[in-house]
């Protein structure tokens, strides 16, 4: 959703997994698997670049994963 020419927000979904070493994956219940909804956004023309962010909550899909994990990320992209 483009709110104006300087700001954009988009819904999304992220999945994170830690299955184990290649060739020796743990059983599903022993893997750290998480998934959940996220919001992604971008603010254009912040100095010489743009501010990119995302955040949301991830829910544990297995016994080895925490019940829920808040997640956020903030980046600054330089345009050249």
Protein backbone atom coordinates (compact mmCIF):
# COMPACT_ATOMS: atom_id res chain seq x y z
CA UNK A 1 0.00 0.00 0.00
CA UNK A 2 1.61 3.23 -1.11
CA UNK A 3 0.45 5.83 1.42
CA UNK A 4 2.05 8.69 -0.46
CA UNK A 5 5.10 9.11 -2.68
CA UNK A 6 7.45 8.95 0.32
CA UNK A 7 6.11 6.01 2.33
CA UNK A 8 5.10 2.42 1.56
CA UNK A 9 3.74 -0.40 3.80
CA UNK A 10 3.16 -4.02 2.73
CA UNK A 11 1.89 -7.04 4.68
CA UNK A 12 3.81 -10.28 4.50
CA UNK A 13 4.69 -13.57 6.13
CA UNK A 14 8.06 -14.93 7.23
CA UNK A 15 9.26 -18.43 8.07
CA UNK A 16 12.48 -19.22 9.94
CA UNK A 17 13.91 -22.68 10.37
CA UNK A 18 16.98 -24.28 11.90
CA UNK A 19 16.81 -27.93 10.78
CA UNK A 20 20.34 -28.93 11.83
CA UNK A 21 23.56 -29.84 10.04
CA UNK A 22 23.38 -30.69 6.34
CA UNK A 23 22.92 -34.42 5.95
CA UNK A 24 21.97 -34.81 9.63
CA UNK A 25 18.71 -32.90 10.03
CA UNK A 26 17.06 -33.22 13.40
CA UNK A 27 13.58 -34.68 13.67
CA UNK A 28 10.77 -32.17 13.09
CA UNK A 29 9.99 -31.79 16.82
CA UNK A 30 13.66 -31.03 17.60
CA UNK A 31 13.98 -28.30 14.95
CA UNK A 32 13.58 -24.59 15.75
CA UNK A 33 10.84 -23.64 13.26
CA UNK A 34 8.93 -20.35 13.50
CA UNK A 35 6.47 -18.49 11.28
CA UNK A 36 4.28 -15.43 11.48
CA UNK A 37 2.86 -12.24 9.97
CA UNK A 38 5.10 -9.23 9.30
CA UNK A 39 4.74 -5.66 8.09
CA UNK A 40 7.31 -4.33 5.63
CA UNK A 41 7.84 -0.64 4.98
CA UNK A 42 10.03 1.89 3.26
CA UNK A 43 10.45 5.62 3.79
CA UNK A 44 11.98 7.28 0.73
CA UNK A 45 14.24 10.34 0.56
CA UNK A 46 15.74 10.28 4.06
CA UNK A 47 18.90 12.20 3.30
CA UNK A 48 20.85 10.43 0.53
CA UNK A 49 18.92 7.16 0.97
CA UNK A 50 15.84 5.34 2.23
CA UNK A 51 14.85 3.80 5.54
CA UNK A 52 13.64 0.18 5.19
CA UNK A 53 11.97 -1.66 8.08
CA UNK A 54 10.00 -4.77 8.93
CA UNK A 55 8.53 -6.18 12.09
CA UNK A 56 6.07 -8.67 13.43
CA UNK A 57 5.73 -11.74 15.57
CA UNK A 58 6.85 -15.31 14.91
CA UNK A 59 5.08 -18.27 16.49
CA UNK A 60 6.87 -21.49 17.40
CA UNK A 61 5.84 -24.43 15.20
CA UNK A 62 7.69 -27.12 17.17
CA UNK A 63 8.48 -27.98 20.79
CA UNK A 64 12.09 -26.81 20.34
CA UNK A 65 11.02 -23.28 19.31
CA UNK A 66 9.89 -20.55 21.73
CA UNK A 67 6.13 -20.00 21.91
CA UNK A 68 6.47 -16.57 20.27
CA UNK A 69 9.29 -14.28 19.17
CA UNK A 70 8.92 -10.57 18.40
CA UNK A 71 11.05 -9.66 15.37
CA UNK A 72 12.07 -6.34 13.85
CA UNK A 73 14.72 -5.08 11.46
CA UNK A 74 15.78 -1.59 10.41
CA UNK A 75 18.08 -0.77 7.47
CA UNK A 76 19.33 2.38 5.81
CA UNK A 77 19.91 2.13 2.05
CA UNK A 78 22.24 4.62 0.41
CA UNK A 79 21.39 5.62 -3.17
CA UNK A 80 24.37 6.26 -5.41
